[in-house]
Amino acid sequence: MKADPKGPGHFPEPIALIAKLDAELGGDRTFGNLKAHQTLLIGTRDKINTWMQGHPDDYR
């Protein structure tokens, strides 16, 4: 997203969602931590998918 020709400002919501997810995970990508945050992971994925579907020209 950040390398898109339209620039990172074109994807503010997905980038913010990913940043929030990264902060919640605290850099710990072990199975146990990911499992503990599974609801957050799936929710973030779903929010990004919804956002991207509202921008079909960007959905690749």
C-alpha atoms as a PDB file:
ATOM      1  CA  MET A   1       0.000   0.000   0.000  1.00  0.00           C
ATOM      2  CA  LYS A   2       2.755   2.413   0.862  1.00  0.00           C
ATOM      3  CA  ALA A   3       4.456   1.756  -2.482  1.00  0.00           C
ATOM      4  CA  ASP A   4       1.271   2.379  -4.500  1.00  0.00           C
ATOM      5  CA  PRO A   5       1.658   5.077  -7.167  1.00  0.00           C
ATOM      6  CA  LYS A   6      -1.203   6.994  -5.527  1.00  0.00           C
ATOM      7  CA  GLY A   7       0.906   7.208  -2.368  1.00  0.00           C
ATOM      8  CA  PRO A   8       0.340   6.037   1.204  1.00  0.00           C
ATOM      9  CA  GLY A   9      -2.161   8.855   1.767  1.00  0.00           C
ATOM     10  CA  HIS A  10      -4.556   7.010  -0.516  1.00  0.00           C
ATOM     11  CA  PHE A  11      -4.865   4.161   2.002  1.00  0.00           C
ATOM     12  CA  PRO A  12      -5.157   5.950   5.369  1.00  0.00           C
ATOM     13  CA  GLU A  13      -7.704   3.631   6.967  1.00  0.00           C
ATOM     14  CA  PRO A  14      -6.040   0.278   6.121  1.00  0.00           C
ATOM     15  CA  ILE A  15      -2.614   1.602   7.108  1.00  0.00           C
ATOM     16  CA  ALA A  16      -4.021   2.861  10.422  1.00  0.00           C
ATOM     17  CA  LEU A  17      -5.710  -0.496  11.054  1.00  0.00           C
ATOM     18  CA  ILE A  18      -2.447  -2.337  10.396  1.00  0.00           C
ATOM     19  CA  ALA A  19      -0.526   0.044  12.668  1.00  0.00           C
ATOM     20  CA  LYS A  20      -3.071  -0.510  15.452  1.00  0.00           C
ATOM     21  CA  LEU A  21      -2.814  -4.274  14.993  1.00  0.00           C
ATOM     22  CA  ASP A  22       0.987  -4.128  15.107  1.00  0.00           C
ATOM     23  CA  ALA A  23       0.819  -2.103  18.327  1.00  0.00           C
ATOM     24  CA  GLU A  24      -1.547  -4.616  19.927  1.00  0.00           C
ATOM     25  CA  LEU A  25       0.701  -7.526  18.959  1.00  0.00           C
ATOM     26  CA  GLY A  26       3.678  -5.719  20.442  1.00  0.00           C
ATOM     27  CA  GLY A  27       6.077  -7.270  17.935  1.00  0.00           C
ATOM     28  CA  ASP A  28       5.305 -10.761  19.258  1.00  0.00           C
ATOM     29  CA  ARG A  29       4.312 -12.929  16.325  1.00  0.00           C
ATOM     30  CA  THR A  30       4.528 -16.239  18.134  1.00  0.00           C
ATOM     31  CA  PHE A  31       1.669 -18.667  17.673  1.00  0.00           C
ATOM     32  CA  GLY A  32       0.451 -18.190  21.229  1.00  0.00           C
ATOM     33  CA  ASN A  33       0.236 -14.414  20.916  1.00  0.00           C
ATOM     34  CA  LEU A  34      -1.419 -14.599  17.497  1.00  0.00           C
ATOM     35  CA  LYS A  35      -3.914 -17.104  18.857  1.00  0.00           C
ATOM     36  CA  ALA A  36      -4.637 -14.805  21.810  1.00  0.00           C
ATOM     37  CA  HIS A  37      -5.302 -11.949  19.366  1.00  0.00           C
ATOM     38  CA  GLN A  38      -7.168 -14.052  16.791  1.00  0.00           C
ATOM     39  CA  THR A  39     -10.369 -12.000  17.076  1.00  0.00           C
ATOM     40  CA  LEU A  40      -8.412  -8.787  16.512  1.00  0.00           C
ATOM     41  CA  LEU A  41      -6.545 -10.306  13.555  1.00  0.00           C
ATOM     42  CA  ILE A  42      -9.726 -11.494  11.857  1.00  0.00           C
ATOM     43  CA  GLY A  43     -11.537  -8.243  12.608  1.00  0.00           C
ATOM     44  CA  THR A  44      -8.696  -6.209  11.108  1.00  0.00           C
ATOM     45  CA  ARG A  45      -8.662  -8.405   8.019  1.00  0.00           C
ATOM     46  CA  ASP A  46     -12.406  -8.002   7.589  1.00  0.00           C
ATOM     47  CA  LYS A  47     -12.263  -4.206   8.016  1.00  0.00           C
ATOM     48  CA  ILE A  48      -9.497  -3.940   5.407  1.00  0.00           C
ATOM     49  CA  ASN A  49     -11.440  -6.172   3.009  1.00  0.00           C
ATOM     50  CA  THR A  50     -14.537  -4.012   3.467  1.00  0.00           C
ATOM     51  CA  TRP A  51     -12.526  -0.859   2.851  1.00  0.00           C
ATOM     52  CA  MET A  52     -10.894  -2.322  -0.261  1.00  0.00           C
ATOM     53  CA  GLN A  53     -14.240  -3.450  -1.676  1.00  0.00           C
ATOM     54  CA  GLY A  54     -15.368   0.153  -1.434  1.00  0.00           C
ATOM     55  CA  HIS A  55     -12.359   1.071  -3.619  1.00  0.00           C
ATOM     56  CA  PRO A  56     -12.640  -1.446  -6.496  1.00  0.00           C
ATOM     57  CA  ASP A  57     -10.036   0.330  -8.634  1.00  0.00           C
ATOM     58  CA  ASP A  58      -7.483  -0.494  -5.925  1.00  0.00           C
ATOM     59  CA  TYR A  59      -8.600  -4.041  -5.153  1.00  0.00           C
ATOM     60  CA  ARG A  60      -5.983  -6.242  -6.812  1.00  0.00           C
END
